[in-house]
Protein backbone atom coordinates (compact mmCIF):
# COMPACT_ATOMS: atom_id res chain seq x y z
CA MET A 1 164.78 -5.17 -111.82
CA PRO A 2 167.14 -4.43 -109.01
CA PRO A 3 171.09 -5.95 -110.38
CA GLY A 4 171.26 -9.51 -108.44
CA GLN A 5 169.44 -11.52 -105.65
CA PRO A 6 170.87 -11.28 -102.20
CA TRP A 7 173.69 -13.62 -101.18
CA GLN A 8 175.66 -12.52 -99.55
CA GLN A 9 188.33 6.74 -77.07
CA GLN A 10 188.56 8.81 -74.88
CA ALA A 11 185.60 11.86 -74.88
CA PRO A 12 186.98 15.08 -76.03
CA PRO A 13 186.75 18.49 -73.76
CA PRO A 14 182.14 19.10 -73.41
CA MET A 15 180.78 20.91 -76.51
CA ALA A 16 183.88 21.00 -78.46
CA PRO A 17 182.69 20.95 -82.13
CA PRO A 18 183.82 17.33 -83.92
CA GLN A 19 186.37 18.14 -86.58
CA PRO A 20 186.12 17.04 -89.71
CA PRO A 21 188.44 14.50 -91.11
CA PRO A 22 190.68 15.17 -94.08
CA VAL A 23 189.70 15.02 -97.62
CA ASN A 24 191.96 12.07 -97.90
CA TRP A 25 191.75 8.36 -95.51
CA GLY A 26 191.15 5.00 -95.57
CA PRO A 27 191.51 2.56 -98.90
CA GLN A 28 191.49 4.95 -101.81
CA PRO A 29 189.27 4.23 -105.25
CA GLY A 30 190.50 1.65 -106.91
CA TRP A 31 189.94 -2.35 -108.20
CA GLY A 32 191.12 -4.70 -105.81
CA PRO A 33 191.18 -6.06 -102.67
CA GLY A 34 191.89 -3.00 -99.31
CA GLN A 35 194.38 -1.26 -99.73
CA PRO A 36 198.03 -0.60 -97.74
CA TYR A 37 197.36 2.98 -96.47
CA GLN A 38 197.06 3.00 -92.24
CA PRO A 39 193.42 4.06 -91.81
CA LEU A 40 193.06 6.89 -89.53
CA PRO A 41 192.15 7.01 -85.72
CA ARG A 42 188.40 6.71 -85.64
CA LYS A 43 186.43 8.72 -84.80
CA LYS A 44 185.86 10.25 -80.77
CA SER A 45 183.02 9.97 -78.88
CA ASN A 46 181.26 13.19 -77.57
CA GLY A 47 180.34 11.60 -74.72
CA PRO A 48 179.96 13.54 -71.14
CA LEU A 49 182.42 12.94 -68.33
CA ILE A 50 179.57 12.72 -65.26
CA ALA A 51 181.57 12.31 -62.05
CA GLY A 52 185.09 12.52 -63.33
CA VAL A 53 184.10 8.66 -64.94
CA LEU A 54 183.66 7.68 -68.31
CA ILE A 55 180.24 6.60 -68.62
CA GLY A 56 180.32 4.85 -71.78
CA VAL A 57 180.57 5.08 -75.65
CA VAL A 58 177.75 5.54 -78.30
CA VAL A 59 177.53 2.59 -80.63
CA LEU A 60 176.44 3.67 -84.07
CA GLY A 61 174.49 0.63 -85.67
CA ILE A 62 173.17 -0.19 -88.65
CA ALA A 63 170.00 -0.05 -89.76
CA THR A 64 169.34 -2.92 -92.43
CA VAL A 65 169.57 -1.17 -95.50
CA GLY A 66 166.58 -1.30 -98.68
CA ILE A 67 165.50 0.55 -101.84
CA VAL A 68 167.23 -0.58 -104.81
CA ALA A 69 168.84 0.95 -107.38
CA ALA A 70 166.05 1.33 -109.86
CA THR A 71 164.45 5.09 -109.46
CA SER A 72 161.06 2.75 -109.58
CA MET A 73 161.43 0.59 -106.44
CA ARG A 74 162.59 3.53 -103.47
CA LYS A 75 161.02 2.94 -100.11
CA SER A 76 159.57 5.61 -98.05
CA VAL A 77 162.24 7.06 -95.19
CA ASP A 78 159.84 5.65 -92.38
CA ASP A 79 160.34 1.97 -94.13
CA PRO A 80 162.54 -0.33 -91.37
CA ALA A 81 164.89 -1.12 -94.83
CA TYR A 82 165.43 1.96 -95.75
CA SER A 83 169.85 3.02 -96.09
CA GLY A 84 169.87 5.81 -94.31
CA TYR A 85 172.16 7.18 -96.96
CA SER A 86 169.99 9.52 -99.49
CA ASN A 87 170.01 11.91 -97.65
CA TYR A 88 173.09 12.01 -95.68
CA THR A 89 175.02 15.99 -96.09
CA TYR A 90 178.04 17.01 -95.03
CA THR A 91 178.89 20.76 -94.90
CA ASN A 92 182.16 22.76 -96.19
CA GLN A 93 182.58 25.48 -93.03
CA THR A 94 183.15 28.70 -94.76
CA THR A 95 186.37 29.68 -95.34
CA THR A 96 187.04 33.29 -94.16
CA THR A 97 190.11 35.76 -94.90
CA THR A 98 190.88 39.16 -92.18
CA ALA A 99 191.67 42.57 -94.02
CA GLU A 100 192.47 45.47 -91.83
CA THR A 101 191.40 48.28 -92.45
CA THR A 102 193.00 52.19 -91.67
CA THR A 103 191.68 54.88 -90.46
CA THR A 104 193.22 58.10 -90.33
CA THR A 105 192.19 61.79 -89.15
CA THR A 106 194.86 64.69 -87.97
CA SER A 107 195.20 63.74 -84.98
CA SER A 108 195.10 60.03 -84.51
CA SER A 109 194.27 56.80 -86.29
CA SER A 110 192.88 53.44 -85.72
CA THR A 111 192.42 49.42 -87.44
CA ARG A 112 189.70 47.41 -87.76
CA SER A 113 189.45 43.69 -88.56
CA THR A 114 187.56 42.55 -91.05
CA SER A 115 185.87 38.69 -91.89
CA THR A 116 184.80 38.32 -95.54
CA SER A 117 183.68 35.07 -97.12
CA THR A 118 185.59 33.87 -99.84
CA THR A 119 183.85 31.44 -102.26
CA LYS A 120 185.04 30.37 -105.89
CA ALA A 121 182.20 31.42 -108.76
CA GLY A 122 180.52 28.71 -111.09
CA PRO A 123 178.79 25.30 -110.28
CA LYS A 124 180.10 23.14 -106.45
CA ALA A 125 180.50 20.05 -105.71
CA VAL A 126 177.73 19.19 -103.45
CA ILE A 127 179.32 16.96 -100.27
CA THR A 128 175.81 14.91 -100.44
CA LEU A 129 175.94 10.61 -101.31
CA GLY A 130 172.26 9.13 -101.77
CA ASP A 131 170.44 12.94 -103.52
CA ASN A 132 173.77 14.26 -104.99
CA PRO A 133 172.71 16.04 -107.82
CA ILE A 134 174.13 13.80 -110.27
CA HIS A 135 171.85 11.07 -109.67
CA GLY A 136 168.94 14.18 -111.55
CA SER A 137 166.59 12.66 -114.57
CA GLY A 138 168.12 12.20 -117.63
CA LEU A 139 171.85 12.33 -116.40
CA GLY A 140 173.72 9.42 -117.74
CA ALA A 141 177.07 8.96 -120.76
CA PHE A 142 175.17 10.76 -123.62
CA ASN A 143 176.18 9.22 -127.69
CA ILE A 144 179.25 10.35 -129.85
CA ASP A 145 179.67 9.25 -133.58
CA GLY A 146 182.28 7.24 -132.59
CA CYS A 147 185.96 6.94 -131.13
CA PRO A 148 189.56 6.24 -132.40
CA LEU A 149 191.45 4.17 -130.41
CA PRO A 150 194.78 2.90 -131.94
CA GLY A 151 195.56 -0.05 -132.13
CA MET A 152 196.98 -1.72 -128.69
CA ASN A 153 199.83 -3.20 -127.53
CA TYR A 154 200.80 -4.15 -123.95
CA SER A 155 203.98 -1.74 -123.20
CA PRO A 156 202.99 1.12 -120.18
CA GLY A 157 203.93 3.32 -124.10
CA GLY A 158 200.93 1.60 -125.52
CA GLN A 159 198.90 1.31 -122.91
CA ASP A 160 199.34 5.47 -122.11
CA GLU A 161 198.59 6.05 -125.73
CA PHE A 162 195.36 3.76 -125.92
CA LEU A 163 193.61 5.20 -122.33
CA ARG A 164 195.27 8.40 -123.62
CA ALA A 165 192.96 7.83 -126.74
CA ALA A 166 189.78 7.19 -125.12
CA LEU A 167 189.26 9.63 -122.24
CA PRO A 168 188.57 12.12 -124.61
CA CYS A 169 185.78 9.98 -125.74
CA ILE A 170 184.72 9.57 -121.99
CA GLU A 171 184.91 13.31 -121.34
CA ALA A 172 182.95 14.05 -124.05
CA MET A 173 180.12 12.52 -122.65
CA TRP A 174 179.42 12.94 -119.53
CA LYS A 175 180.55 16.12 -119.89
CA PRO A 176 177.06 17.28 -120.48
CA SER A 177 175.68 15.74 -118.07
CA PHE A 178 177.18 18.00 -115.53
CA GLN A 179 176.06 20.64 -117.19
CA LYS A 180 172.78 19.95 -116.36
CA ALA A 181 173.37 18.77 -113.16
CA ASN A 182 175.09 22.64 -112.73
CA LEU A 183 177.71 20.82 -111.22
CA PRO A 184 181.31 21.47 -111.32
CA TYR A 185 183.69 19.80 -114.86
CA GLN A 186 187.37 19.17 -115.29
CA PRO A 187 188.85 16.77 -117.55
CA VAL A 188 190.59 13.70 -115.42
CA GLU A 189 194.37 13.63 -115.38
CA LEU A 190 196.35 10.20 -116.36
CA VAL A 191 199.67 9.10 -114.21
CA MET A 192 201.74 5.99 -115.94
CA VAL A 193 202.76 4.18 -112.02
CA THR A 194 206.35 2.17 -113.04
CA SER A 195 208.22 2.42 -109.77
CA GLN A 196 207.17 3.28 -106.35
CA ILE A 197 205.31 6.31 -106.09
CA THR A 198 203.57 9.20 -103.07
CA ASN A 199 200.97 11.25 -103.83
CA THR A 200 198.00 13.46 -101.30
CA CYS A 201 195.91 9.42 -101.02
CA GLY A 202 199.56 7.89 -99.82
CA SER A 203 201.94 5.40 -101.12
CA MET A 204 201.41 3.18 -104.04
CA GLY A 205 203.25 0.77 -106.29
CA PRO A 206 203.61 -0.46 -109.82
CA ASP A 207 202.45 -3.90 -108.57
CA ARG A 208 198.81 -3.04 -107.63
CA THR A 209 195.55 -2.67 -109.21
CA ALA A 210 195.35 1.69 -110.76
CA MET A 211 194.14 3.69 -108.00
CA TYR A 212 192.32 7.45 -107.72
CA CYS A 213 192.96 10.51 -106.62
CA ASP A 214 192.05 13.36 -106.06
CA GLY A 215 191.33 14.17 -110.08
CA THR A 216 193.83 11.83 -111.71
CA ILE A 217 193.98 8.11 -112.06
CA TYR A 218 196.93 6.87 -111.07
CA TRP A 219 197.54 4.00 -113.53
CA THR A 220 200.23 0.64 -113.56
CA PRO A 221 200.78 -0.99 -116.77
CA ASN A 222 203.14 -3.64 -115.87
CA HIS A 223 200.08 -5.03 -112.80
CA TYR A 224 197.70 -4.68 -116.27
CA ALA A 225 200.57 -6.68 -118.43
CA ASN A 226 200.83 -8.86 -116.35
CA GLU A 227 197.16 -10.04 -115.61
CA GLN A 228 197.28 -13.63 -116.68
CA GLY A 229 194.10 -15.46 -117.48
CA SER A 230 190.45 -16.76 -118.97
CA ALA A 231 188.53 -14.27 -116.57
CA ASN A 232 191.58 -11.04 -117.26
CA PRO A 233 193.27 -11.39 -120.86
CA ASN A 234 195.12 -9.92 -122.21
CA HIS A 235 193.00 -7.79 -124.45
CA PRO A 236 192.06 -3.96 -125.04
CA GLY A 237 188.28 -4.00 -123.27
CA LYS A 238 190.44 -5.05 -120.21
CA TYR A 239 192.09 -1.83 -120.30
CA LEU A 240 188.76 0.02 -121.72
CA GLY A 241 186.65 -1.65 -118.54
CA GLN A 242 189.14 -0.44 -115.86
CA LEU A 243 189.01 2.82 -117.18
CA ALA A 244 185.52 3.30 -117.03
CA HIS A 245 185.58 2.30 -113.47
CA GLU A 246 188.05 4.77 -112.57
CA TYR A 247 186.71 7.46 -114.32
CA GLY A 248 183.59 6.63 -111.89
CA HIS A 249 185.60 7.43 -109.37
CA HIS A 250 186.19 10.42 -111.19
CA ILE A 251 182.84 11.69 -111.50
CA GLN A 252 182.12 10.74 -108.03
CA TRP A 253 185.18 12.92 -106.91
CA LEU A 254 183.66 15.70 -109.15
CA SER A 255 179.70 15.85 -107.84
CA GLY A 256 180.59 15.98 -103.90
CA ILE A 257 179.72 12.36 -103.76
CA LEU A 258 183.74 10.51 -102.77
CA ARG A 259 183.94 13.69 -99.92
CA ALA A 260 180.74 12.71 -98.51
CA SER A 261 181.39 9.23 -98.22
CA SER A 262 184.58 9.61 -96.71
CA GLN A 263 182.76 11.51 -94.34
CA ALA A 264 180.32 9.07 -93.45
CA GLN A 265 183.35 6.54 -93.09
CA TYR A 266 184.61 8.62 -90.49
CA GLU A 267 181.70 9.17 -88.69
CA LYS A 268 180.32 5.46 -88.85
CA GLY A 269 183.87 4.47 -87.08
CA GLY A 270 186.08 4.01 -89.81
CA TRP A 271 185.92 2.32 -93.00
CA ASP A 272 186.90 -0.93 -91.84
CA THR A 273 184.05 -0.76 -89.45
CA GLU A 274 181.20 -3.00 -90.35
CA ALA A 275 179.64 0.76 -91.51
CA GLY A 276 182.77 1.94 -92.97
CA LEU A 277 182.88 -0.86 -95.56
CA ASP A 278 179.44 -1.22 -96.41
CA LEU A 279 179.97 2.59 -97.34
CA ASN A 280 183.25 1.43 -99.48
CA ARG A 281 181.23 -1.31 -101.27
CA ARG A 282 178.53 1.26 -102.20
CA LYS A 283 181.58 4.26 -102.68
CA GLU A 284 182.89 0.62 -105.23
CA LEU A 285 180.36 -0.79 -107.18
CA GLN A 286 178.60 2.69 -107.87
CA ALA A 287 181.95 3.17 -109.22
CA THR A 288 181.42 0.22 -111.15
CA CYS A 289 177.95 0.96 -111.94
CA PHE A 290 179.22 4.64 -113.82
CA GLY A 291 181.85 1.75 -115.81
CA GLY A 292 178.85 0.47 -117.14
CA MET A 293 177.25 3.75 -118.60
CA THR A 294 179.99 4.84 -120.51
CA LEU A 295 181.05 1.84 -121.82
CA ALA A 296 176.68 1.94 -123.18
CA PRO A 297 177.37 4.39 -125.99
CA LEU A 298 180.56 3.14 -126.48
CA SER A 299 179.21 0.22 -127.88
CA HIS A 300 176.39 1.62 -130.32
CA GLY A 301 179.51 1.01 -133.40
CA ALA A 302 182.17 3.58 -131.51
CA VAL A 303 184.17 0.90 -130.98
CA PRO A 304 184.52 -2.56 -131.42
CA GLY A 305 181.64 -5.30 -129.90
CA ASP A 306 184.59 -8.07 -128.78
CA VAL A 307 185.86 -4.43 -126.86
CA ILE A 308 183.11 -3.90 -125.13
CA SER A 309 182.05 -7.36 -124.54
CA VAL A 310 185.66 -8.32 -122.96
CA ALA A 311 185.11 -5.08 -120.26
CA LEU A 312 181.84 -6.22 -119.34
CA SER A 313 182.87 -9.89 -118.01
CA ASP A 314 186.07 -8.58 -116.93
CA ALA A 315 184.43 -5.64 -114.80
CA GLY A 316 182.52 -8.60 -113.37
CA SER A 317 185.06 -10.84 -112.79
CA ARG A 318 186.98 -8.40 -109.87
CA GLY A 319 185.61 -8.18 -106.61
CA ASP A 320 185.89 -8.92 -103.39
CA TYR A 321 187.23 -12.91 -103.36
CA PRO A 322 187.30 -15.00 -100.15
CA ILE A 323 190.81 -15.04 -99.79
CA TYR A 324 190.57 -10.99 -99.73
CA PRO A 325 190.83 -9.46 -95.69
CA ASN A 326 187.98 -6.65 -96.13
CA ARG A 327 185.24 -6.92 -97.54
CA ASP A 328 186.03 -3.17 -99.36
CA HIS A 329 184.18 -3.44 -102.71
CA GLY A 330 182.00 -6.06 -103.24
CA ALA A 331 181.72 -9.83 -104.25
CA PRO A 332 182.37 -10.14 -108.06
CA GLU A 333 179.26 -11.37 -108.84
CA ARG A 334 177.52 -7.80 -107.46
CA ASN A 335 180.42 -5.79 -109.63
CA ALA A 336 178.94 -7.90 -112.82
CA ALA A 337 175.10 -7.21 -111.49
CA TRP A 338 176.64 -3.63 -111.80
CA VAL A 339 178.28 -2.97 -114.32
CA ASN A 340 175.57 -4.45 -116.54
CA HIS A 341 172.90 -2.33 -114.88
CA GLY A 342 174.36 0.74 -115.65
CA PHE A 343 175.66 -0.43 -119.27
CA LYS A 344 171.31 -1.29 -119.89
CA ASN A 345 170.12 1.86 -117.84
CA ASN A 346 172.66 3.88 -118.38
CA GLU A 347 170.93 6.26 -116.02
CA THR A 348 172.80 7.92 -112.98
CA SER A 349 169.66 6.93 -111.09
CA ALA A 350 169.95 3.40 -111.50
CA CYS A 351 173.34 3.83 -110.01
CA ASN A 352 172.24 5.15 -107.07
CA THR A 353 174.51 2.54 -105.02
CA TRP A 354 173.38 4.66 -101.18
CA LEU A 355 169.52 3.55 -102.07
CA ALA A 356 170.69 0.16 -102.67
CA SER A 357 169.40 -3.35 -100.34
CA ALA A 358 172.34 -4.79 -98.37
CA ALA A 359 172.20 -7.28 -100.65
CA ASP A 360 172.80 -5.49 -103.83
CA VAL A 361 175.66 -4.34 -102.27
CA SER A 362 177.15 -7.29 -100.51
């Protein structure tokens, strides 16, 4: 079964090629409501000027999206409920370097410039969404023998120790899938945020939820220690579940999905448009689903069962509540559905939110 039931410019000069957006813009990957970052200007229209009058701006509509997360429920591209994100591809422009070559003879010398493409050897991220190689068959979080975690204390130092002990287990479970998919892999970095900082994704303070940015999880220990309530108790499971979600963004970053989703939001007119928010929910709910996959191998005795149980329930209690101005992470019911879907299936193809119906990413 799929995860749950429905609920809910100014024109540039003619022929000028559109410029790609910066790598990082809009709300950055993480939990909670929209983040306090200033969005970039919306993409400019390519409409022509006729008799000196701007004739119009093309309005991009969103097709009613379909295709459930499980691969067995895929639909044809001709289906009216097709999401449109199955093969969204953004191609980076080739980086070139110019070298000067000097030729000298007995009577004269000449200099010519040659351009050569610079490419990095080894696997490369694929800047696509639904058809990204990370969604290939047989990919998931592999089993490990165990994951010894220290006793938890909720100080910044205690959280740091706990999370750093869990990360090698998570890395060991996921690295084989990147090798099978011929995608690049590198360990994620972890930074404890206890004061206001600025990184390449913007600014953040210690009072907000964790944020992922360019290979690094920025963790806010005081925020999580101060959370209270039956839905998010101070329990090790909450911390492991949150770490698994943020690591889900690392999977997206390594594979190229984060870059592709950022470009897609730019093409749709901005992250805070209806289409841009739909894309953002797909991104966040996929990270939630990947987080459920991370918990699956750990549930086979690697960590205590109550830690897994709380991690799953905590993920299911987060998301877009009615008080939030932007629905950019998906409703709590959707987060609960996707984290459990990933946990039960442990297949990246089951977490392909880019092919899911609009109801399943609401």
